[in-house]
Amino acid sequence: MVRAEIKVLDFEDKRSKDKKTEYCRFKCEYVDNGGIKWISAFKKWPAEVE
């Protein structure tokens, strides 16, 4: 796996359509090549009822 230096430009807290899975999205800029990409990261626990 290649490691790259990134800068986080934006962050979103999201929830799946069935409301069972919460996840985060990070808008990252790759410092070495200047590319911008959204990266999703799932939270480790099930979402509670609102």
C-alpha atoms as a PDB file:
ATOM      1  CA  MET A   1       0.000   0.000   0.000  1.00  0.00           C
ATOM      2  CA  VAL A   2       1.323   3.409  -0.937  1.00  0.00           C
ATOM      3  CA  ARG A   3       1.171   6.132   1.672  1.00  0.00           C
ATOM      4  CA  ALA A   4       0.348   9.613   0.472  1.00  0.00           C
ATOM      5  CA  GLU A   5       0.261  12.922   2.267  1.00  0.00           C
ATOM      6  CA  ILE A   6      -3.235  14.367   2.154  1.00  0.00           C
ATOM      7  CA  LYS A   7      -4.987  17.489   3.387  1.00  0.00           C
ATOM      8  CA  VAL A   8      -8.610  17.206   4.497  1.00  0.00           C
ATOM      9  CA  LEU A   9     -10.619  19.970   2.820  1.00  0.00           C
ATOM     10  CA  ASP A  10     -14.143  19.066   3.886  1.00  0.00           C
ATOM     11  CA  PHE A  11     -16.031  16.607   6.068  1.00  0.00           C
ATOM     12  CA  GLU A  12     -19.569  15.214   5.960  1.00  0.00           C
ATOM     13  CA  ASP A  13     -21.404  13.067   8.477  1.00  0.00           C
ATOM     14  CA  LYS A  14     -23.768  10.770   6.605  1.00  0.00           C
ATOM     15  CA  ARG A  15     -26.220   7.985   7.300  1.00  0.00           C
ATOM     16  CA  SER A  16     -27.244   5.162   4.993  1.00  0.00           C
ATOM     17  CA  LYS A  17     -30.753   5.080   3.519  1.00  0.00           C
ATOM     18  CA  ASP A  18     -31.879   2.375   5.951  1.00  0.00           C
ATOM     19  CA  LYS A  19     -30.641   4.562   8.856  1.00  0.00           C
ATOM     20  CA  LYS A  20     -28.593   1.657  10.227  1.00  0.00           C
ATOM     21  CA  THR A  21     -25.094   2.681   9.219  1.00  0.00           C
ATOM     22  CA  GLU A  22     -23.435   5.997   9.892  1.00  0.00           C
ATOM     23  CA  TYR A  23     -20.370   6.963   7.949  1.00  0.00           C
ATOM     24  CA  CYS A  24     -18.147   9.932   7.343  1.00  0.00           C
ATOM     25  CA  ARG A  25     -16.913  11.385   4.078  1.00  0.00           C
ATOM     26  CA  PHE A  26     -13.684  13.296   3.859  1.00  0.00           C
ATOM     27  CA  LYS A  27     -12.767  15.485   0.891  1.00  0.00           C
ATOM     28  CA  CYS A  28      -9.018  15.039   0.634  1.00  0.00           C
ATOM     29  CA  GLU A  29      -6.394  16.710  -1.502  1.00  0.00           C
ATOM     30  CA  TYR A  30      -3.366  14.596  -2.338  1.00  0.00           C
ATOM     31  CA  VAL A  31      -0.363  16.824  -1.708  1.00  0.00           C
ATOM     32  CA  ASP A  32       1.987  15.016  -4.095  1.00  0.00           C
ATOM     33  CA  ASN A  33      -0.186  15.121  -7.227  1.00  0.00           C
ATOM     34  CA  GLY A  34      -2.851  17.683  -6.321  1.00  0.00           C
ATOM     35  CA  GLY A  35      -5.735  15.286  -6.964  1.00  0.00           C
ATOM     36  CA  ILE A  36      -8.906  15.737  -4.909  1.00  0.00           C
ATOM     37  CA  LYS A  37     -10.988  12.728  -3.901  1.00  0.00           C
ATOM     38  CA  TRP A  38     -13.803  11.898  -1.480  1.00  0.00           C
ATOM     39  CA  ILE A  39     -12.939   9.104   0.956  1.00  0.00           C
ATOM     40  CA  SER A  40     -15.665   7.333   2.951  1.00  0.00           C
ATOM     41  CA  ALA A  41     -15.016   5.840   6.377  1.00  0.00           C
ATOM     42  CA  PHE A  42     -17.604   3.737   8.170  1.00  0.00           C
ATOM     43  CA  LYS A  43     -18.178   4.222  11.855  1.00  0.00           C
ATOM     44  CA  LYS A  44     -17.688   1.127  13.983  1.00  0.00           C
ATOM     45  CA  TRP A  45     -21.012   1.105  15.787  1.00  0.00           C
ATOM     46  CA  PRO A  46     -24.656   0.812  14.620  1.00  0.00           C
ATOM     47  CA  ALA A  47     -26.629   4.034  14.630  1.00  0.00           C
ATOM     48  CA  GLU A  48     -29.106   4.520  17.441  1.00  0.00           C
ATOM     49  CA  VAL A  49     -32.653   5.696  16.794  1.00  0.00           C
ATOM     50  CA  GLU A  50     -32.919   9.436  16.368  1.00  0.00           C
END
